[in-house]
Amino acid sequence: MASTTTATYIGIFFLTGNSILAINRSWGDAAAVIFVLASYLSLVQLFYCLRWFEASPQGSAARDKARLGVWLTTTLLTVMFSWRVAAVMPAWPVAAGVLFMGGSTIAGGFYALFLHRPQGD
């Protein structure tokens, strides 16, 4: 368990450092700085929700709330990154494909987390 905690702290440390460097490089471009900050805060929130999900007992209301938090946070990140990638695509059909893949990922995540029940359950 100690190695998981250490790995988590190392990951957060590198995420924070990389975000600081990205903000420094993007200084003067408010949209880029806001994007980096929103991405950073969403990733930290995702780590929190994942930790909450793992610590909650199976079948509890807390686990269901954590599952919802994980899905909402990953949805936000998917929308943000898909929108950003689609904006730099050379043609609108490619951008539409990127947005379609992002939407499919969100829908698939919703199905996997909330609708699908394995045979053993």
C-alpha atoms as a PDB file:
ATOM      1  CA  MET A   1       0.000   0.000   0.000  1.00  0.00           C
ATOM      2  CA  ALA A   2       2.881   2.370   0.724  1.00  0.00           C
ATOM      3  CA  SER A   3       4.154   2.091  -2.864  1.00  0.00           C
ATOM      4  CA  THR A   4       0.709   3.089  -4.190  1.00  0.00           C
ATOM      5  CA  THR A   5       0.705   6.184  -2.006  1.00  0.00           C
ATOM      6  CA  THR A   6       4.270   7.027  -3.028  1.00  0.00           C
ATOM      7  CA  ALA A   7       3.454   6.538  -6.707  1.00  0.00           C
ATOM      8  CA  THR A   8       0.384   8.753  -6.327  1.00  0.00           C
ATOM      9  CA  TYR A   9       2.398  11.538  -4.734  1.00  0.00           C
ATOM     10  CA  ILE A  10       5.085  11.277  -7.402  1.00  0.00           C
ATOM     11  CA  GLY A  11       2.408  11.426 -10.111  1.00  0.00           C
ATOM     12  CA  ILE A  12       0.774  14.485  -8.541  1.00  0.00           C
ATOM     13  CA  PHE A  13       4.209  16.102  -8.191  1.00  0.00           C
ATOM     14  CA  PHE A  14       4.998  15.610 -11.896  1.00  0.00           C
ATOM     15  CA  LEU A  15       1.494  16.679 -12.936  1.00  0.00           C
ATOM     16  CA  THR A  16       1.853  19.868 -10.889  1.00  0.00           C
ATOM     17  CA  GLY A  17       5.322  20.580 -12.262  1.00  0.00           C
ATOM     18  CA  ASN A  18       4.232  19.989 -15.841  1.00  0.00           C
ATOM     19  CA  SER A  19       1.194  22.224 -15.352  1.00  0.00           C
ATOM     20  CA  ILE A  20       3.358  25.008 -13.929  1.00  0.00           C
ATOM     21  CA  LEU A  21       5.705  24.746 -16.921  1.00  0.00           C
ATOM     22  CA  ALA A  22       2.752  24.768 -19.349  1.00  0.00           C
ATOM     23  CA  ILE A  23       1.299  27.870 -17.680  1.00  0.00           C
ATOM     24  CA  ASN A  24       4.702  29.537 -17.829  1.00  0.00           C
ATOM     25  CA  ARG A  25       5.029  28.789 -21.571  1.00  0.00           C
ATOM     26  CA  SER A  26       1.451  29.944 -22.205  1.00  0.00           C
ATOM     27  CA  TRP A  27       1.684  33.160 -20.207  1.00  0.00           C
ATOM     28  CA  GLY A  28      -0.028  35.926 -22.129  1.00  0.00           C
ATOM     29  CA  ASP A  29      -2.540  33.562 -23.758  1.00  0.00           C
ATOM     30  CA  ALA A  30      -5.437  33.598 -21.293  1.00  0.00           C
ATOM     31  CA  ALA A  31      -7.337  30.787 -23.042  1.00  0.00           C
ATOM     32  CA  ALA A  32      -4.327  28.458 -22.880  1.00  0.00           C
ATOM     33  CA  VAL A  33      -3.684  29.252 -19.204  1.00  0.00           C
ATOM     34  CA  ILE A  34      -7.336  28.625 -18.339  1.00  0.00           C
ATOM     35  CA  PHE A  35      -7.231  25.344 -20.286  1.00  0.00           C
ATOM     36  CA  VAL A  36      -4.155  24.163 -18.385  1.00  0.00           C
ATOM     37  CA  LEU A  37      -5.643  25.162 -15.016  1.00  0.00           C
ATOM     38  CA  ALA A  38      -8.987  23.510 -15.771  1.00  0.00           C
ATOM     39  CA  SER A  39      -7.235  20.345 -16.949  1.00  0.00           C
ATOM     40  CA  TYR A  40      -5.041  20.254 -13.853  1.00  0.00           C
ATOM     41  CA  LEU A  41      -7.930  20.763 -11.452  1.00  0.00           C
ATOM     42  CA  SER A  42     -10.035  18.166 -13.275  1.00  0.00           C
ATOM     43  CA  LEU A  43      -7.245  15.593 -13.097  1.00  0.00           C
ATOM     44  CA  VAL A  44      -6.774  16.234  -9.374  1.00  0.00           C
ATOM     45  CA  GLN A  45     -10.542  15.843  -8.925  1.00  0.00           C
ATOM     46  CA  LEU A  46     -10.420  12.578 -10.900  1.00  0.00           C
ATOM     47  CA  PHE A  47      -7.672  11.209  -8.637  1.00  0.00           C
ATOM     48  CA  TYR A  48      -9.748  12.174  -5.602  1.00  0.00           C
ATOM     49  CA  CYS A  49     -12.883  10.474  -6.962  1.00  0.00           C
ATOM     50  CA  LEU A  50     -10.942   7.346  -7.895  1.00  0.00           C
ATOM     51  CA  ARG A  51      -9.465   7.162  -4.399  1.00  0.00           C
ATOM     52  CA  TRP A  52     -12.968   7.673  -2.930  1.00  0.00           C
ATOM     53  CA  PHE A  53     -14.353   4.951  -5.197  1.00  0.00           C
ATOM     54  CA  GLU A  54     -11.648   2.454  -4.222  1.00  0.00           C
ATOM     55  CA  ALA A  55     -12.087   3.170  -0.503  1.00  0.00           C
ATOM     56  CA  SER A  56     -15.894   2.834  -0.523  1.00  0.00           C
ATOM     57  CA  PRO A  57     -17.532  -0.501   0.300  1.00  0.00           C
ATOM     58  CA  GLN A  58     -19.053  -2.467  -2.567  1.00  0.00           C
ATOM     59  CA  GLY A  59     -22.699  -1.510  -3.147  1.00  0.00           C
ATOM     60  CA  SER A  60     -22.650   1.557  -0.893  1.00  0.00           C
ATOM     61  CA  ALA A  61     -24.147   4.958  -1.675  1.00  0.00           C
ATOM     62  CA  ALA A  62     -20.681   6.507  -1.301  1.00  0.00           C
ATOM     63  CA  ARG A  63     -19.362   4.206  -4.028  1.00  0.00           C
ATOM     64  CA  ASP A  64     -22.223   5.223  -6.334  1.00  0.00           C
ATOM     65  CA  LYS A  65     -21.484   8.921  -5.723  1.00  0.00           C
ATOM     66  CA  ALA A  66     -17.793   8.329  -6.378  1.00  0.00           C
ATOM     67  CA  ARG A  67     -18.653   6.463  -9.594  1.00  0.00           C
ATOM     68  CA  LEU A  68     -20.736   9.456 -10.706  1.00  0.00           C
ATOM     69  CA  GLY A  69     -17.846  11.786  -9.829  1.00  0.00           C
ATOM     70  CA  VAL A  70     -15.441   9.661 -11.887  1.00  0.00           C
ATOM     71  CA  TRP A  71     -17.776   9.692 -14.883  1.00  0.00           C
ATOM     72  CA  LEU A  72     -18.491  13.429 -14.677  1.00  0.00           C
ATOM     73  CA  THR A  73     -14.802  14.275 -14.340  1.00  0.00           C
ATOM     74  CA  THR A  74     -13.736  12.019 -17.210  1.00  0.00           C
ATOM     75  CA  THR A  75     -16.575  13.465 -19.295  1.00  0.00           C
ATOM     76  CA  LEU A  76     -15.332  16.992 -18.631  1.00  0.00           C
ATOM     77  CA  LEU A  77     -11.766  16.021 -19.553  1.00  0.00           C
ATOM     78  CA  THR A  78     -12.907  14.220 -22.717  1.00  0.00           C
ATOM     79  CA  VAL A  79     -14.973  17.212 -23.840  1.00  0.00           C
ATOM     80  CA  MET A  80     -12.144  19.657 -23.127  1.00  0.00           C
ATOM     81  CA  PHE A  81      -9.474  17.646 -24.938  1.00  0.00           C
ATOM     82  CA  SER A  82     -11.734  16.670 -27.866  1.00  0.00           C
ATOM     83  CA  TRP A  83     -12.748  20.293 -28.375  1.00  0.00           C
ATOM     84  CA  ARG A  84      -9.129  21.421 -28.244  1.00  0.00           C
ATOM     85  CA  VAL A  85      -7.957  18.753 -30.708  1.00  0.00           C
ATOM     86  CA  ALA A  86     -10.904  19.318 -33.062  1.00  0.00           C
ATOM     87  CA  ALA A  87     -10.055  23.027 -33.182  1.00  0.00           C
ATOM     88  CA  VAL A  88      -6.655  22.332 -34.779  1.00  0.00           C
ATOM     89  CA  MET A  89      -7.807  19.739 -37.300  1.00  0.00           C
ATOM     90  CA  PRO A  90      -7.281  20.748 -40.944  1.00  0.00           C
ATOM     91  CA  ALA A  91     -10.776  19.906 -42.203  1.00  0.00           C
ATOM     92  CA  TRP A  92     -14.222  19.827 -40.635  1.00  0.00           C
ATOM     93  CA  PRO A  93     -14.814  16.087 -41.326  1.00  0.00           C
ATOM     94  CA  VAL A  94     -11.719  15.244 -39.297  1.00  0.00           C
ATOM     95  CA  ALA A  95     -12.825  17.576 -36.497  1.00  0.00           C
ATOM     96  CA  ALA A  96     -16.284  15.967 -36.569  1.00  0.00           C
ATOM     97  CA  GLY A  97     -14.617  12.550 -36.303  1.00  0.00           C
ATOM     98  CA  VAL A  98     -12.655  13.678 -33.245  1.00  0.00           C
ATOM     99  CA  LEU A  99     -15.809  14.990 -31.581  1.00  0.00           C
ATOM    100  CA  PHE A 100     -17.694  11.811 -32.513  1.00  0.00           C
ATOM    101  CA  MET A 101     -14.979   9.649 -30.938  1.00  0.00           C
ATOM    102  CA  GLY A 102     -15.067  11.768 -27.791  1.00  0.00           C
ATOM    103  CA  GLY A 103     -18.850  11.465 -27.612  1.00  0.00           C
ATOM    104  CA  SER A 104     -18.620   7.717 -28.153  1.00  0.00           C
ATOM    105  CA  THR A 105     -16.100   7.452 -25.325  1.00  0.00           C
ATOM    106  CA  ILE A 106     -18.422   9.363 -22.999  1.00  0.00           C
ATOM    107  CA  ALA A 107     -21.405   7.192 -23.945  1.00  0.00           C
ATOM    108  CA  GLY A 108     -19.344   4.007 -23.574  1.00  0.00           C
ATOM    109  CA  GLY A 109     -18.137   5.104 -20.154  1.00  0.00           C
ATOM    110  CA  PHE A 110     -21.703   5.816 -19.062  1.00  0.00           C
ATOM    111  CA  TYR A 111     -22.787   2.374 -20.230  1.00  0.00           C
ATOM    112  CA  ALA A 112     -19.863   0.632 -18.545  1.00  0.00           C
ATOM    113  CA  LEU A 113     -20.214   2.473 -15.234  1.00  0.00           C
ATOM    114  CA  PHE A 114     -23.988   2.673 -14.841  1.00  0.00           C
ATOM    115  CA  LEU A 115     -25.892   0.340 -17.161  1.00  0.00           C
ATOM    116  CA  HIS A 116     -23.780  -2.793 -17.692  1.00  0.00           C
ATOM    117  CA  ARG A 117     -24.025  -5.448 -15.007  1.00  0.00           C
ATOM    118  CA  PRO A 118     -21.665  -8.433 -15.276  1.00  0.00           C
ATOM    119  CA  GLN A 119     -23.260 -11.901 -15.180  1.00  0.00           C
ATOM    120  CA  GLY A 120     -21.869 -12.616 -11.701  1.00  0.00           C
ATOM    121  CA  ASP A 121     -23.677  -9.674 -10.073  1.00  0.00           C
END
